[in-house]
Amino acid sequence: MKTIVHKANERGFANHGWLQANHSFSFANFFNPEKVQFGALRVLNDDIIAPSMGFSTHPHDNMEIITIPLKGTLKHKDSMGNTWEMVEAGEVQVMSAGSGVQHSEMNAKTDEYLNLFQIWIFPDKKNVAPRYDQKHFNAEDRQGKLQTLVSSIDNEDEGLKIHQNAKLSRIDLSKDQSFSYNMISENHGVYIMNISGHVSVENNQLESRDAIGIYDTKGFTLKTNEDTQLLFIEVPMR
């Protein structure tokens, strides 16, 4: 088993006034040669966006983009014909940029900050037809058990679909609870973002917004030290 720990205070940070962005991996003006990607996971941004502000129309191609609002409401429009789709906290949005797409993302609220994770994963197929989807996930369905948010378009697992043999899932655990995670394969690794709480993973103590990447193993066990919410991003490493 191999591990890599990314502490919350060691992330890249940019304060643009309307946007406060924390970058787990190299992004925009933040570059760290040791934090370019984790396998097929290229970006994990933890963004706070001011009321009525956001990202104006811009292009993407050949990337699987997953957005998870944690607080507030995102509104999205794109060149596929989606016009200001509302994505609430509790929902997850996926977009396969494929052969090329343009989109805008804004904070839909005029009086509330928006906090979200934006995740980019390299696809396993190039130049596919762009696609968009979103889905609501009930918090009670991840109490003490894994809730699949996103999986490969090539299998029949629940959740939203992307063009990569990856799996995104969440779990909410109570204090002093143990959980064992099994990998899709030994060629996969999992990047664990501690959304909130305190958890012990392979002798590493993770506090809120700390993360750990685990690979070259079939699985592992973690234990919480207080009530904890975790996001798992499992991706091919090669």
Protein backbone atom coordinates (compact mmCIF):
# COMPACT_ATOMS: atom_id res chain seq x y z
CA MET A 1 0.00 0.00 0.00
CA LYS A 2 1.12 3.51 -0.83
CA THR A 3 -0.30 6.74 0.59
CA ILE A 4 0.04 10.46 -0.03
CA VAL A 5 -1.36 13.02 2.41
CA HIS A 6 -2.53 16.49 1.38
CA LYS A 7 -3.25 18.74 4.37
CA ALA A 8 -5.92 21.40 3.97
CA ASN A 9 -3.54 24.28 4.68
CA GLU A 10 -1.08 23.05 2.03
CA ARG A 11 -3.53 23.44 -0.85
CA GLY A 12 -3.12 26.17 -3.42
CA PHE A 13 -5.20 29.22 -2.55
CA ALA A 14 -6.45 32.14 -4.61
CA ASN A 15 -8.60 35.03 -3.40
CA HIS A 16 -10.20 36.80 -6.35
CA GLY A 17 -12.65 38.75 -4.19
CA TRP A 18 -15.76 37.14 -5.69
CA LEU A 19 -14.06 33.71 -5.58
CA GLN A 20 -12.04 32.04 -2.86
CA ALA A 21 -10.52 28.89 -4.36
CA ASN A 22 -8.61 26.05 -2.72
CA HIS A 23 -6.76 23.78 -5.17
CA SER A 24 -5.81 20.22 -4.18
CA PHE A 25 -3.92 19.92 -7.49
CA SER A 26 -2.07 22.37 -9.74
CA PHE A 27 -4.58 24.76 -11.27
CA ALA A 28 -4.50 28.27 -12.77
CA ASN A 29 -1.66 30.18 -11.06
CA PHE A 30 -0.97 27.40 -8.53
CA PHE A 31 1.64 24.89 -9.69
CA ASN A 32 3.26 22.19 -7.58
CA PRO A 33 5.09 19.47 -9.54
CA GLU A 34 4.17 16.96 -6.81
CA LYS A 35 0.48 17.86 -7.07
CA VAL A 36 -0.35 17.68 -10.76
CA GLN A 37 -2.81 14.79 -10.58
CA PHE A 38 -3.71 11.57 -8.75
CA GLY A 39 -4.08 8.93 -11.44
CA ALA A 40 -6.96 10.03 -13.68
CA LEU A 41 -8.02 12.69 -11.14
CA ARG A 42 -6.78 16.03 -12.44
CA VAL A 43 -8.64 18.71 -10.42
CA LEU A 44 -10.33 19.00 -7.04
CA ASN A 45 -11.22 22.62 -6.32
CA ASP A 46 -12.99 23.71 -3.13
CA ASP A 47 -14.58 27.00 -4.19
CA ILE A 48 -16.53 29.68 -2.31
CA ILE A 49 -18.39 31.98 -4.74
CA ALA A 50 -19.95 35.30 -3.75
CA PRO A 51 -23.68 35.99 -4.30
CA SER A 52 -24.68 36.49 -7.95
CA MET A 53 -21.09 35.91 -9.10
CA GLY A 54 -19.51 33.07 -11.05
CA PHE A 55 -17.68 31.88 -14.13
CA SER A 56 -18.72 33.43 -17.45
CA THR A 57 -18.96 31.34 -20.62
CA HIS A 58 -15.78 29.33 -21.24
CA PRO A 59 -14.84 26.16 -23.17
CA HIS A 60 -13.87 22.63 -22.16
CA ASP A 61 -13.07 19.49 -24.10
CA ASN A 62 -12.14 15.88 -23.33
CA MET A 63 -12.71 16.11 -19.58
CA GLU A 64 -15.29 14.61 -17.22
CA ILE A 65 -16.44 17.44 -14.92
CA ILE A 66 -18.30 16.73 -11.67
CA THR A 67 -19.69 19.52 -9.47
CA ILE A 68 -20.92 18.93 -5.92
CA PRO A 69 -22.58 21.94 -4.25
CA LEU A 70 -22.09 21.66 -0.48
CA LYS A 71 -23.94 24.86 0.46
CA GLY A 72 -26.10 27.11 -1.66
CA THR A 73 -27.36 26.83 -5.25
CA LEU A 74 -25.44 26.72 -8.52
CA LYS A 75 -27.00 27.72 -11.84
CA HIS A 76 -25.59 26.34 -15.09
CA LYS A 77 -26.09 26.97 -18.80
CA ASP A 78 -24.23 25.47 -21.74
CA SER A 79 -23.96 25.12 -25.51
CA MET A 80 -25.92 21.84 -25.35
CA GLY A 81 -29.13 23.80 -24.81
CA ASN A 82 -29.33 23.70 -21.02
CA THR A 83 -30.49 27.15 -19.87
CA TRP A 84 -29.80 28.04 -16.22
CA GLU A 85 -30.31 24.63 -14.69
CA MET A 86 -30.45 24.93 -10.89
CA VAL A 87 -28.19 22.56 -8.94
CA GLU A 88 -28.92 22.59 -5.21
CA ALA A 89 -26.83 21.38 -2.29
CA GLY A 90 -27.62 17.67 -2.09
CA GLU A 91 -27.43 17.32 -5.86
CA VAL A 92 -24.49 16.33 -8.05
CA GLN A 93 -23.89 17.55 -11.61
CA VAL A 94 -21.85 15.79 -14.30
CA MET A 95 -20.75 17.07 -17.70
CA SER A 96 -18.79 15.13 -20.31
CA ALA A 97 -17.03 17.87 -22.27
CA GLY A 98 -16.04 15.41 -25.01
CA SER A 99 -15.59 16.98 -28.44
CA GLY A 100 -16.16 20.44 -26.95
CA VAL A 101 -18.68 22.41 -24.93
CA GLN A 102 -19.07 25.94 -23.60
CA HIS A 103 -20.74 26.64 -20.26
CA SER A 104 -21.32 29.21 -17.54
CA GLU A 105 -21.61 28.58 -13.79
CA MET A 106 -23.01 31.16 -11.40
CA ASN A 107 -24.13 31.47 -7.79
CA ALA A 108 -27.92 31.50 -8.18
CA LYS A 109 -28.46 33.29 -4.84
CA THR A 110 -28.29 37.06 -4.34
CA ASP A 111 -27.78 36.84 -0.57
CA GLU A 112 -25.87 33.61 0.11
CA TYR A 113 -22.38 32.31 -0.63
CA LEU A 114 -22.03 29.12 -2.69
CA ASN A 115 -19.54 26.43 -1.64
CA LEU A 116 -18.83 23.59 -4.04
CA PHE A 117 -16.32 20.95 -5.06
CA GLN A 118 -15.41 20.92 -8.73
CA ILE A 119 -13.71 17.73 -9.90
CA TRP A 120 -12.07 17.00 -13.26
CA ILE A 121 -11.30 13.43 -14.32
CA PHE A 122 -9.52 12.43 -17.52
CA PRO A 123 -11.87 10.38 -19.75
CA ASP A 124 -11.09 6.95 -21.20
CA LYS A 125 -12.63 7.93 -24.55
CA LYS A 126 -11.72 11.02 -26.61
CA ASN A 127 -14.09 13.33 -28.50
CA VAL A 128 -17.35 11.74 -27.34
CA ALA A 129 -20.60 13.64 -27.79
CA PRO A 130 -20.93 16.17 -24.94
CA ARG A 131 -23.53 15.24 -22.33
CA TYR A 132 -25.04 16.71 -19.15
CA ASP A 133 -26.88 15.24 -16.18
CA GLN A 134 -27.70 15.97 -12.54
CA LYS A 135 -29.28 14.04 -9.70
CA HIS A 136 -30.39 14.52 -6.09
CA PHE A 137 -28.93 12.22 -3.42
CA ASN A 138 -30.60 11.76 -0.02
CA ALA A 139 -28.26 12.28 2.94
CA GLU A 140 -29.99 9.53 4.93
CA ASP A 141 -28.90 7.00 2.27
CA ARG A 142 -25.23 7.47 3.18
CA GLN A 143 -25.52 7.14 6.96
CA GLY A 144 -22.94 4.50 7.81
CA LYS A 145 -22.85 3.12 4.27
CA LEU A 146 -21.35 4.05 0.93
CA GLN A 147 -23.55 6.07 -1.44
CA THR A 148 -22.43 5.94 -5.08
CA LEU A 149 -22.67 9.35 -6.74
CA VAL A 150 -20.87 8.71 -10.05
CA SER A 151 -19.65 5.61 -11.88
CA SER A 152 -18.61 4.44 -15.35
CA ILE A 153 -21.07 4.78 -18.22
CA ASP A 154 -20.02 1.23 -19.16
CA ASN A 155 -21.45 -0.46 -16.06
CA GLU A 156 -24.82 -0.65 -14.36
CA ASP A 157 -23.91 0.78 -10.96
CA GLU A 158 -26.26 3.40 -9.59
CA GLY A 159 -25.46 7.09 -9.77
CA LEU A 160 -24.54 9.48 -12.53
CA LYS A 161 -22.30 8.36 -15.40
CA ILE A 162 -18.94 9.44 -16.82
CA HIS A 163 -16.61 8.13 -19.51
CA GLN A 164 -14.05 6.61 -17.13
CA ASN A 165 -13.81 3.49 -14.96
CA ALA A 166 -14.04 5.62 -11.84
CA LYS A 167 -16.34 5.83 -8.83
CA LEU A 168 -17.28 8.80 -6.65
CA SER A 169 -19.06 8.08 -3.40
CA ARG A 170 -19.90 9.63 -0.06
CA ILE A 171 -20.40 8.30 3.44
CA ASP A 172 -21.42 9.95 6.73
CA LEU A 173 -20.04 8.17 9.80
CA SER A 174 -20.65 8.61 13.51
CA LYS A 175 -17.91 8.99 16.11
CA ASP A 176 -15.82 5.84 16.78
CA GLN A 177 -17.18 4.08 13.70
CA SER A 178 -14.99 1.89 11.47
CA PHE A 179 -15.45 1.42 7.73
CA SER A 180 -13.66 -0.85 5.26
CA TYR A 181 -13.27 0.25 1.64
CA ASN A 182 -12.60 -2.18 -1.22
CA MET A 183 -11.02 -1.00 -4.47
CA ILE A 184 -12.50 -1.67 -7.93
CA SER A 185 -9.10 -3.21 -8.79
CA GLU A 186 -5.47 -3.07 -7.70
CA ASN A 187 -4.85 -0.73 -10.65
CA HIS A 188 -7.10 1.85 -8.97
CA GLY A 189 -6.40 4.35 -6.25
CA VAL A 190 -8.80 6.35 -4.12
CA TYR A 191 -8.47 10.00 -3.12
CA ILE A 192 -10.36 10.67 0.12
CA MET A 193 -11.45 14.21 0.93
CA ASN A 194 -12.52 14.70 4.54
CA ILE A 195 -15.43 17.10 4.08
CA SER A 196 -15.81 17.54 7.83
CA GLY A 197 -14.87 15.76 11.03
CA HIS A 198 -11.78 13.81 12.14
CA VAL A 199 -10.80 10.38 10.88
CA SER A 200 -7.82 8.00 11.16
CA VAL A 201 -6.75 6.43 7.85
CA GLU A 202 -3.73 4.11 7.78
CA ASN A 203 -2.17 5.83 10.81
CA ASN A 204 -2.81 9.28 9.35
CA GLN A 205 -5.04 11.76 11.18
CA LEU A 206 -7.27 13.73 8.81
CA GLU A 207 -9.11 16.82 9.97
CA SER A 208 -11.66 18.85 8.00
CA ARG A 209 -10.60 19.33 4.33
CA ASP A 210 -7.48 17.17 4.72
CA ALA A 211 -7.14 14.49 2.04
CA ILE A 212 -5.26 11.23 1.48
CA GLY A 213 -4.56 9.25 -1.67
CA ILE A 214 -4.29 5.46 -1.28
CA TYR A 215 -3.14 3.03 -3.99
CA ASP A 216 -1.34 -0.28 -4.63
CA THR A 217 -3.78 -2.12 -2.37
CA LYS A 218 -7.03 -4.07 -2.55
CA GLY A 219 -8.59 -2.06 0.28
CA PHE A 220 -8.18 -0.45 3.69
CA THR A 221 -10.02 0.39 6.91
CA LEU A 222 -10.56 3.78 8.53
CA LYS A 223 -11.95 4.87 11.90
CA THR A 224 -13.62 8.12 12.91
CA ASN A 225 -12.65 10.17 15.95
CA GLU A 226 -15.80 12.31 15.68
CA ASP A 227 -18.80 12.54 13.34
CA THR A 228 -17.28 12.67 9.87
CA GLN A 229 -18.36 13.18 6.24
CA LEU A 230 -16.11 11.70 3.54
CA LEU A 231 -15.90 11.91 -0.25
CA PHE A 232 -14.15 9.04 -2.07
CA ILE A 233 -12.84 9.58 -5.62
CA GLU A 234 -11.61 6.24 -7.02
CA VAL A 235 -9.76 6.38 -10.34
CA PRO A 236 -7.40 4.30 -12.47
CA MET A 237 -3.80 5.07 -11.54
CA ARG A 238 -2.29 4.11 -14.92
